Amino acid sequence: MKAYVLIQAEPHARPLARTLRAIPGIVSATDLSGAYDAIALARFDSTSNPMDGVLTQIRSLPGVTHALPAPVVASPAPGAMPTPREQRAVGDAAA
């Protein structure tokens, strides 16, 4: 199971990505600009509420004000061709 975690922090908080990547279960993390200050990708072997521990650790980081989990419900197989809808979305985003 995978989930993205969208993270908001206090203004002028330190970048979070490096600290997030040190948390067990976090596969990757990136600092952002905009409505969210960082995003992390977490991966778990079980579906029995494994996010709780990771969310607790993220929420306890200095400056973090909010952590919103977004479980991944589907993702394309590696090397899969994008659907026409996905192709349009990419075209729209590039415009």
Protein backbone atom coordinates (compact mmCIF):
# COMPACT_ATOMS: atom_id res chain seq x y z
CA MET A 1 0.00 0.00 0.00
CA LYS A 2 1.20 3.51 -0.80
CA ALA A 3 0.02 6.89 0.37
CA TYR A 4 1.05 10.45 -0.29
CA VAL A 5 1.15 12.79 2.70
CA LEU A 6 0.62 16.51 2.03
CA ILE A 7 2.26 18.59 4.73
CA GLN A 8 1.77 22.18 5.81
CA ALA A 9 4.18 24.01 8.08
CA GLU A 10 4.40 27.30 9.91
CA PRO A 11 5.66 30.28 7.90
CA HIS A 12 9.46 30.41 7.87
CA ALA A 13 9.74 26.77 9.00
CA ARG A 14 12.84 24.90 7.89
CA PRO A 15 12.61 22.65 4.80
CA LEU A 16 11.20 19.25 5.74
CA ALA A 17 12.14 16.80 2.97
CA ARG A 18 15.45 15.60 4.44
CA THR A 19 13.88 15.02 7.86
CA LEU A 20 10.87 13.28 6.33
CA ARG A 21 13.09 10.87 4.38
CA ALA A 22 14.64 9.72 7.70
CA ILE A 23 11.25 8.45 8.96
CA PRO A 24 10.86 4.67 8.48
CA GLY A 25 8.25 3.97 5.80
CA ILE A 26 8.85 7.20 3.87
CA VAL A 27 10.07 6.32 0.38
CA SER A 28 10.59 9.86 -0.90
CA ALA A 29 9.90 13.43 0.12
CA THR A 30 10.09 16.80 -1.62
CA ASP A 31 9.80 20.38 -0.39
CA LEU A 32 7.12 22.39 -2.21
CA SER A 33 5.95 25.94 -2.68
CA GLY A 34 2.25 26.77 -2.55
CA ALA A 35 -0.61 25.45 -0.45
CA TYR A 36 1.56 22.62 0.91
CA ASP A 37 5.15 22.88 2.05
CA ALA A 38 6.18 19.26 1.47
CA ILE A 39 4.91 15.98 0.07
CA ALA A 40 6.03 12.53 1.14
CA LEU A 41 5.38 9.10 -0.33
CA ALA A 42 4.96 6.33 2.23
CA ARG A 43 4.89 2.61 1.46
CA PHE A 44 3.54 -0.13 3.73
CA ASP A 45 3.27 -3.92 3.60
CA SER A 46 -0.04 -4.04 5.47
CA THR A 47 -3.34 -2.21 5.27
CA SER A 48 -4.16 -2.40 9.00
CA ASN A 49 -3.81 1.34 9.70
CA PRO A 50 -0.02 1.52 9.26
CA MET A 51 -0.24 5.25 8.53
CA ASP A 52 -0.88 6.13 12.16
CA GLY A 53 2.75 5.80 13.25
CA VAL A 54 4.11 7.72 10.28
CA LEU A 55 1.51 10.48 10.64
CA THR A 56 2.29 10.80 14.35
CA GLN A 57 5.99 11.21 13.56
CA ILE A 58 5.34 13.75 10.80
CA ARG A 59 2.94 15.78 12.94
CA SER A 60 5.48 15.89 15.77
CA LEU A 61 8.17 17.50 13.58
CA PRO A 62 9.00 21.11 14.53
CA GLY A 63 6.95 23.57 12.48
CA VAL A 64 4.48 21.05 11.04
CA THR A 65 0.90 22.26 11.40
CA HIS A 66 -1.00 19.73 9.25
CA ALA A 67 -0.40 16.37 7.57
CA LEU A 68 -3.05 15.09 5.17
CA PRO A 69 -2.76 11.45 4.04
CA ALA A 70 -3.95 10.52 0.53
CA PRO A 71 -3.87 6.73 -0.04
CA VAL A 72 -3.05 5.68 -3.60
CA VAL A 73 -5.97 3.70 -5.01
CA ALA A 74 -4.49 2.96 -8.45
CA SER A 75 -1.33 3.63 -10.37
CA PRO A 76 -0.25 2.58 -13.85
CA ALA A 77 1.96 -0.45 -14.30
CA PRO A 78 5.59 0.42 -15.08
CA GLY A 79 5.95 1.05 -18.79
CA ALA A 80 2.19 1.24 -19.35
CA MET A 81 0.94 3.57 -22.05
CA PRO A 82 -1.05 6.56 -20.77
CA THR A 83 -4.77 6.52 -21.44
CA PRO A 84 -6.20 9.16 -23.80
CA ARG A 85 -7.57 11.01 -20.76
CA GLU A 86 -4.09 11.06 -19.15
CA GLN A 87 -2.58 12.28 -22.43
CA ARG A 88 -5.06 15.17 -22.56
CA ALA A 89 -4.32 16.06 -18.94
CA VAL A 90 -0.60 16.24 -19.68
CA GLY A 91 -1.27 18.34 -22.77
CA ASP A 92 -3.49 20.72 -20.78
CA ALA A 93 -0.87 21.06 -18.03
CA ALA A 94 1.85 21.89 -20.55
CA ALA A 95 -0.22 24.67 -22.16
